[in-house]
């Protein structure tokens, strides 16, 4: 039975998660814009999109597949000579996605409470920015079945996604449409330069992940190397497609950052909070 009460059935982003995304995006923009009102407004939208993309991918298999397909399109711009993507835009976008992962991490795995009780969905407790396999597989989430699904936290995210691809594919310095948001977030004005994960030095991360986080011939990631649990977990078709293209990226920095995002996303989906943190500590 599904769809009678959105607090009891289904899983995507719960209204409380969406509200938290708004709050975190606003805080991030205020931290980086130094009181500039226009910057805060634009950056809040940009960070909301990043946080929402990461969050949805962690709780919904369909959203994750869409995210991986979009990321493949983003990465392709890095191979276009003299494009904004090739000249740092793609790597900056990857790092911003990683920052969004870090911003959500402190809340992952905490039960979403309503009236003092945890919300149940698909046979399990619903937690912030994480989901059981059954919840991830259920795309009809947190809204009444048969009604229209909630739109993006900030409307017109699809248009901004298209603009981002256009900006990254544009030759550096050429005439271009109004890409204010992309220029601010990807061009350096409010880019987060903090490196939050140990071992992201050039080459080091790539070598680590190439040795420990690759798909086996059967399409599995061997997690026993870092969790000591001697288990394997299946990769989705979207994850396999994404990983298969990473070695074609033009430099090891991009390869390492792309692998790190895909691995963190995978661990957030499959390991939830505790194991994901252990994995990150060992990177």
Protein backbone atom coordinates (compact mmCIF):
# COMPACT_ATOMS: atom_id res chain seq x y z
CA UNK A 1 0.00 0.00 0.00
CA UNK A 2 1.42 3.36 -0.97
CA UNK A 3 0.45 6.99 -1.28
CA UNK A 4 -2.09 7.52 1.53
CA UNK A 5 0.22 9.47 3.79
CA UNK A 6 3.50 10.93 2.50
CA UNK A 7 4.99 10.63 5.99
CA UNK A 8 4.46 6.85 6.00
CA UNK A 9 5.13 5.70 2.47
CA UNK A 10 7.59 6.23 -0.37
CA UNK A 11 11.07 7.76 -0.58
CA UNK A 12 12.70 10.64 -2.40
CA UNK A 13 13.59 13.88 -0.70
CA UNK A 14 11.36 14.46 2.30
CA UNK A 15 10.15 18.06 2.85
CA UNK A 16 12.47 18.28 5.87
CA UNK A 17 15.44 17.34 3.66
CA UNK A 18 14.42 19.93 1.10
CA UNK A 19 14.16 22.57 3.82
CA UNK A 20 17.63 21.62 5.09
CA UNK A 21 19.05 21.92 1.59
CA UNK A 22 17.66 25.45 1.37
CA UNK A 23 19.23 26.32 4.72
CA UNK A 24 22.64 24.85 3.89
CA UNK A 25 22.72 26.53 0.48
CA UNK A 26 21.90 29.91 2.02
CA UNK A 27 24.58 29.48 4.69
CA UNK A 28 27.19 28.48 2.11
CA UNK A 29 26.38 31.47 -0.08
CA UNK A 30 26.61 33.86 2.85
CA UNK A 31 29.99 32.41 3.83
CA UNK A 32 31.47 32.95 0.38
CA UNK A 33 29.87 36.16 -0.88
CA UNK A 34 31.08 38.66 1.72
CA UNK A 35 27.74 40.41 2.06
CA UNK A 36 27.15 40.91 -1.68
CA UNK A 37 23.37 40.50 -2.02
CA UNK A 38 23.41 39.62 -5.72
CA UNK A 39 26.15 37.06 -5.15
CA UNK A 40 24.26 35.53 -2.22
CA UNK A 41 21.10 35.15 -4.29
CA UNK A 42 22.86 33.57 -7.27
CA UNK A 43 25.13 31.38 -5.16
CA UNK A 44 22.26 30.14 -3.01
CA UNK A 45 20.60 28.84 -6.16
CA UNK A 46 23.82 27.22 -7.36
CA UNK A 47 24.54 25.46 -4.06
CA UNK A 48 20.92 24.40 -3.77
CA UNK A 49 21.21 22.67 -7.15
CA UNK A 50 24.46 20.95 -6.14
CA UNK A 51 23.09 19.78 -2.81
CA UNK A 52 19.83 18.60 -4.35
CA UNK A 53 21.64 16.65 -7.09
CA UNK A 54 23.86 14.88 -4.56
CA UNK A 55 21.01 14.25 -2.11
CA UNK A 56 18.63 12.82 -4.69
CA UNK A 57 21.33 10.55 -6.08
CA UNK A 58 21.91 9.13 -2.61
CA UNK A 59 18.29 8.19 -2.00
CA UNK A 60 16.86 7.33 -5.41
CA UNK A 61 18.18 4.94 -8.07
CA UNK A 62 16.43 6.73 -10.94
CA UNK A 63 17.83 10.09 -9.86
CA UNK A 64 21.29 8.56 -9.50
CA UNK A 65 21.17 7.22 -13.06
CA UNK A 66 20.18 10.68 -14.34
CA UNK A 67 22.99 12.26 -12.32
CA UNK A 68 25.60 9.90 -13.77
CA UNK A 69 24.35 10.56 -17.31
CA UNK A 70 24.54 14.32 -16.73
CA UNK A 71 28.00 14.02 -15.23
CA UNK A 72 29.19 12.10 -18.29
CA UNK A 73 28.05 15.03 -20.43
CA UNK A 74 29.88 17.43 -18.12
CA UNK A 75 33.08 15.40 -18.35
CA UNK A 76 32.97 15.35 -22.14
CA UNK A 77 33.51 19.12 -22.21
CA UNK A 78 36.93 18.59 -20.61
CA UNK A 79 38.08 17.05 -23.90
CA UNK A 80 37.10 20.12 -25.93
CA UNK A 81 40.28 22.15 -26.58
CA UNK A 82 40.34 25.59 -24.98
CA UNK A 83 36.83 25.18 -23.59
CA UNK A 84 35.81 26.47 -20.18
CA UNK A 85 35.44 22.83 -19.14
CA UNK A 86 38.97 21.92 -20.27
CA UNK A 87 40.46 24.97 -18.60
CA UNK A 88 39.30 24.07 -15.09
CA UNK A 89 35.53 24.34 -15.16
CA UNK A 90 34.91 20.60 -15.03
CA UNK A 91 37.34 20.01 -12.18
CA UNK A 92 35.80 22.89 -10.25
CA UNK A 93 32.33 21.42 -10.75
CA UNK A 94 33.54 18.04 -9.47
CA UNK A 95 35.07 19.67 -6.41
CA UNK A 96 31.83 21.56 -5.77
CA UNK A 97 29.94 18.27 -5.91
CA UNK A 98 32.40 16.85 -3.38
CA UNK A 99 31.85 19.89 -1.18
CA UNK A 100 28.10 19.27 -1.40
CA UNK A 101 28.70 15.67 -0.30
CA UNK A 102 30.71 16.94 2.67
CA UNK A 103 27.96 19.43 3.59
CA UNK A 104 25.33 16.67 3.72
CA UNK A 105 27.52 14.12 5.50
CA UNK A 106 26.90 15.33 9.10
CA UNK A 107 23.16 14.74 8.67
CA UNK A 108 23.27 11.39 6.88
CA UNK A 109 21.65 8.50 8.67
CA UNK A 110 19.77 10.59 11.23
CA UNK A 111 16.08 9.61 11.42
CA UNK A 112 13.54 12.05 10.03
CA UNK A 113 11.08 12.64 12.85
CA UNK A 114 7.44 13.72 12.72
CA UNK A 115 5.50 14.13 15.96
CA UNK A 116 8.33 12.56 17.93
CA UNK A 117 8.40 9.36 15.89
CA UNK A 118 10.63 8.34 12.97
CA UNK A 119 9.05 8.22 9.54
CA UNK A 120 8.78 4.77 7.97
CA UNK A 121 9.19 4.11 4.25
CA UNK A 122 9.35 0.81 2.36
CA UNK A 123 9.75 -1.18 5.55
CA UNK A 124 12.53 0.93 7.07
CA UNK A 125 13.17 4.14 8.96
CA UNK A 126 13.57 7.14 6.69
CA UNK A 127 16.84 8.94 7.37
CA UNK A 128 18.36 12.17 6.13
CA UNK A 129 20.12 11.88 2.76
CA UNK A 130 20.41 8.10 2.92
CA UNK A 131 18.09 5.25 2.07
CA UNK A 132 17.74 1.50 2.18
CA UNK A 133 18.00 -0.39 -1.14
CA UNK A 134 14.21 -0.75 -1.14
CA UNK A 135 13.77 2.99 -0.61
CA UNK A 136 16.31 3.80 -3.35
CA UNK A 137 14.37 1.59 -5.75
CA UNK A 138 11.06 3.33 -4.97
CA UNK A 139 10.86 6.50 -7.03
CA UNK A 140 7.40 7.46 -5.80
CA UNK A 141 8.48 9.15 -2.65
CA UNK A 142 7.25 11.57 -0.04
CA UNK A 143 4.30 12.81 -2.03
CA UNK A 144 0.84 11.38 -2.49
CA UNK A 145 0.78 8.78 -5.24
CA UNK A 146 -1.10 9.99 -8.30
CA UNK A 147 -0.25 13.63 -7.74
CA UNK A 148 2.52 15.58 -9.41
CA UNK A 149 5.98 14.97 -7.97
CA UNK A 150 7.61 17.95 -6.26
CA UNK A 151 9.77 20.09 -8.50
CA UNK A 152 13.34 21.20 -7.79
CA UNK A 153 14.06 23.05 -4.56
CA UNK A 154 14.70 26.10 -6.76
CA UNK A 155 12.54 26.04 -9.91
CA UNK A 156 14.06 25.74 -13.42
CA UNK A 157 16.97 23.57 -12.41
CA UNK A 158 16.78 21.83 -15.80
CA UNK A 159 17.45 25.12 -17.57
CA UNK A 160 20.40 25.83 -15.31
CA UNK A 161 21.76 22.36 -16.07
CA UNK A 162 21.58 23.12 -19.80
CA UNK A 163 23.27 26.48 -19.29
CA UNK A 164 26.08 24.83 -17.35
CA UNK A 165 26.78 22.43 -20.19
CA UNK A 166 26.71 25.32 -22.65
CA UNK A 167 29.11 27.35 -20.55
CA UNK A 168 31.59 24.50 -20.08
CA UNK A 169 31.57 23.73 -23.83
CA UNK A 170 32.17 27.39 -24.75
CA UNK A 171 35.64 28.37 -25.89
CA UNK A 172 37.45 30.48 -23.33
CA UNK A 173 37.09 34.18 -24.03
CA UNK A 174 34.54 33.81 -26.83
CA UNK A 175 31.24 35.67 -27.05
CA UNK A 176 28.62 33.81 -25.06
CA UNK A 177 25.15 34.18 -23.52
CA UNK A 178 24.59 35.34 -19.97
CA UNK A 179 26.24 32.64 -17.86
CA UNK A 180 26.39 34.69 -14.66
CA UNK A 181 25.65 31.78 -12.35
CA UNK A 182 28.15 29.50 -14.07
CA UNK A 183 30.85 32.15 -14.15
CA UNK A 184 30.41 32.84 -10.45
CA UNK A 185 30.48 29.26 -9.27
CA UNK A 186 32.74 27.67 -11.88
CA UNK A 187 34.85 30.65 -12.80
CA UNK A 188 36.33 31.29 -9.40
CA UNK A 189 34.27 34.01 -7.75
CA UNK A 190 32.80 31.74 -5.12
CA UNK A 191 34.56 28.47 -5.84
CA UNK A 192 35.34 26.42 -2.77
CA UNK A 193 39.07 25.69 -2.89
CA UNK A 194 39.22 23.66 0.30
CA UNK A 195 40.50 20.12 -0.17
CA UNK A 196 38.50 18.05 2.29
CA UNK A 197 39.73 14.52 1.66
CA UNK A 198 43.12 13.09 2.59
CA UNK A 199 45.20 11.93 -0.35
CA UNK A 200 43.89 14.10 -3.15
CA UNK A 201 47.39 15.05 -4.24
CA UNK A 202 47.95 14.74 -7.97
CA UNK A 203 48.25 11.10 -8.88
CA UNK A 204 47.99 9.78 -5.33
CA UNK A 205 44.22 9.64 -5.22
CA UNK A 206 44.00 8.25 -8.73
CA UNK A 207 46.42 5.47 -7.90
CA UNK A 208 44.58 4.64 -4.68
CA UNK A 209 41.18 4.47 -6.30
CA UNK A 210 42.41 2.69 -9.38
CA UNK A 211 43.69 -0.07 -7.14
CA UNK A 212 40.83 -0.30 -4.69
CA UNK A 213 37.70 1.02 -6.34
CA UNK A 214 37.21 -0.55 -9.75
CA UNK A 215 34.52 -2.72 -11.22
CA UNK A 216 35.39 -6.40 -11.32
CA UNK A 217 34.55 -8.42 -14.45
CA UNK A 218 31.27 -9.30 -12.74
CA UNK A 219 30.41 -5.64 -12.13
CA UNK A 220 31.14 -5.47 -8.40
CA UNK A 221 33.18 -3.22 -6.13
CA UNK A 222 35.23 -5.20 -3.64
CA UNK A 223 34.66 -3.45 -0.32
CA UNK A 224 36.49 -5.90 1.93
CA UNK A 225 39.73 -4.02 1.32
CA UNK A 226 38.48 -1.03 3.29
CA UNK A 227 35.67 -2.37 5.43
CA UNK A 228 37.17 -5.75 6.39
CA UNK A 229 33.73 -7.23 5.92
CA UNK A 230 34.68 -9.48 3.03
CA UNK A 231 31.66 -8.52 0.95
CA UNK A 232 31.01 -7.32 -2.58
CA UNK A 233 28.32 -4.91 -3.70
CA UNK A 234 26.86 -4.63 -7.19
CA UNK A 235 27.46 -1.52 -9.23
CA UNK A 236 24.53 -0.01 -11.05
CA UNK A 237 24.65 0.29 -14.82
CA UNK A 238 24.97 4.06 -14.39
CA UNK A 239 27.99 3.68 -12.08
CA UNK A 240 29.66 1.19 -14.43
CA UNK A 241 29.13 3.50 -17.42
CA UNK A 242 30.56 6.41 -15.48
CA UNK A 243 33.65 4.53 -14.26
CA UNK A 244 34.33 3.13 -17.72
CA UNK A 245 34.81 6.63 -19.13
CA UNK A 246 37.00 8.11 -16.42
CA UNK A 247 40.30 6.85 -17.84
CA UNK A 248 39.57 8.83 -21.01
CA UNK A 249 39.69 12.14 -19.16
CA UNK A 250 42.65 14.31 -20.19
CA UNK A 251 44.54 14.36 -16.90
CA UNK A 252 44.92 12.47 -13.64
CA UNK A 253 43.49 15.28 -11.53
CA UNK A 254 40.17 15.04 -13.33
CA UNK A 255 40.30 11.26 -13.24
CA UNK A 256 40.90 11.26 -9.50
CA UNK A 257 38.20 13.82 -8.71
CA UNK A 258 35.67 12.00 -10.89
CA UNK A 259 36.45 8.66 -9.27
CA UNK A 260 36.22 10.19 -5.82
CA UNK A 261 32.76 11.60 -6.47
CA UNK A 262 31.45 8.34 -7.94
CA UNK A 263 32.90 6.30 -5.06
CA UNK A 264 31.59 8.67 -2.38
CA UNK A 265 28.18 8.61 -4.04
CA UNK A 266 28.24 4.81 -4.19
CA UNK A 267 29.26 4.50 -0.55
CA UNK A 268 26.62 6.98 0.56
CA UNK A 269 24.00 4.86 -1.17
CA UNK A 270 25.20 1.45 -0.05
CA UNK A 271 27.05 1.98 3.23
CA UNK A 272 25.11 4.93 4.70
CA UNK A 273 26.86 7.09 7.27
CA UNK A 274 29.29 4.98 9.28
CA UNK A 275 30.91 2.89 6.57
CA UNK A 276 31.00 5.85 4.19
CA UNK A 277 32.99 7.82 6.77
CA UNK A 278 35.39 4.92 7.27
CA UNK A 279 35.95 4.68 3.54
CA UNK A 280 36.62 8.40 3.24
CA UNK A 281 39.08 8.30 6.11
CA UNK A 282 41.06 5.63 4.31
CA UNK A 283 41.23 7.44 0.98
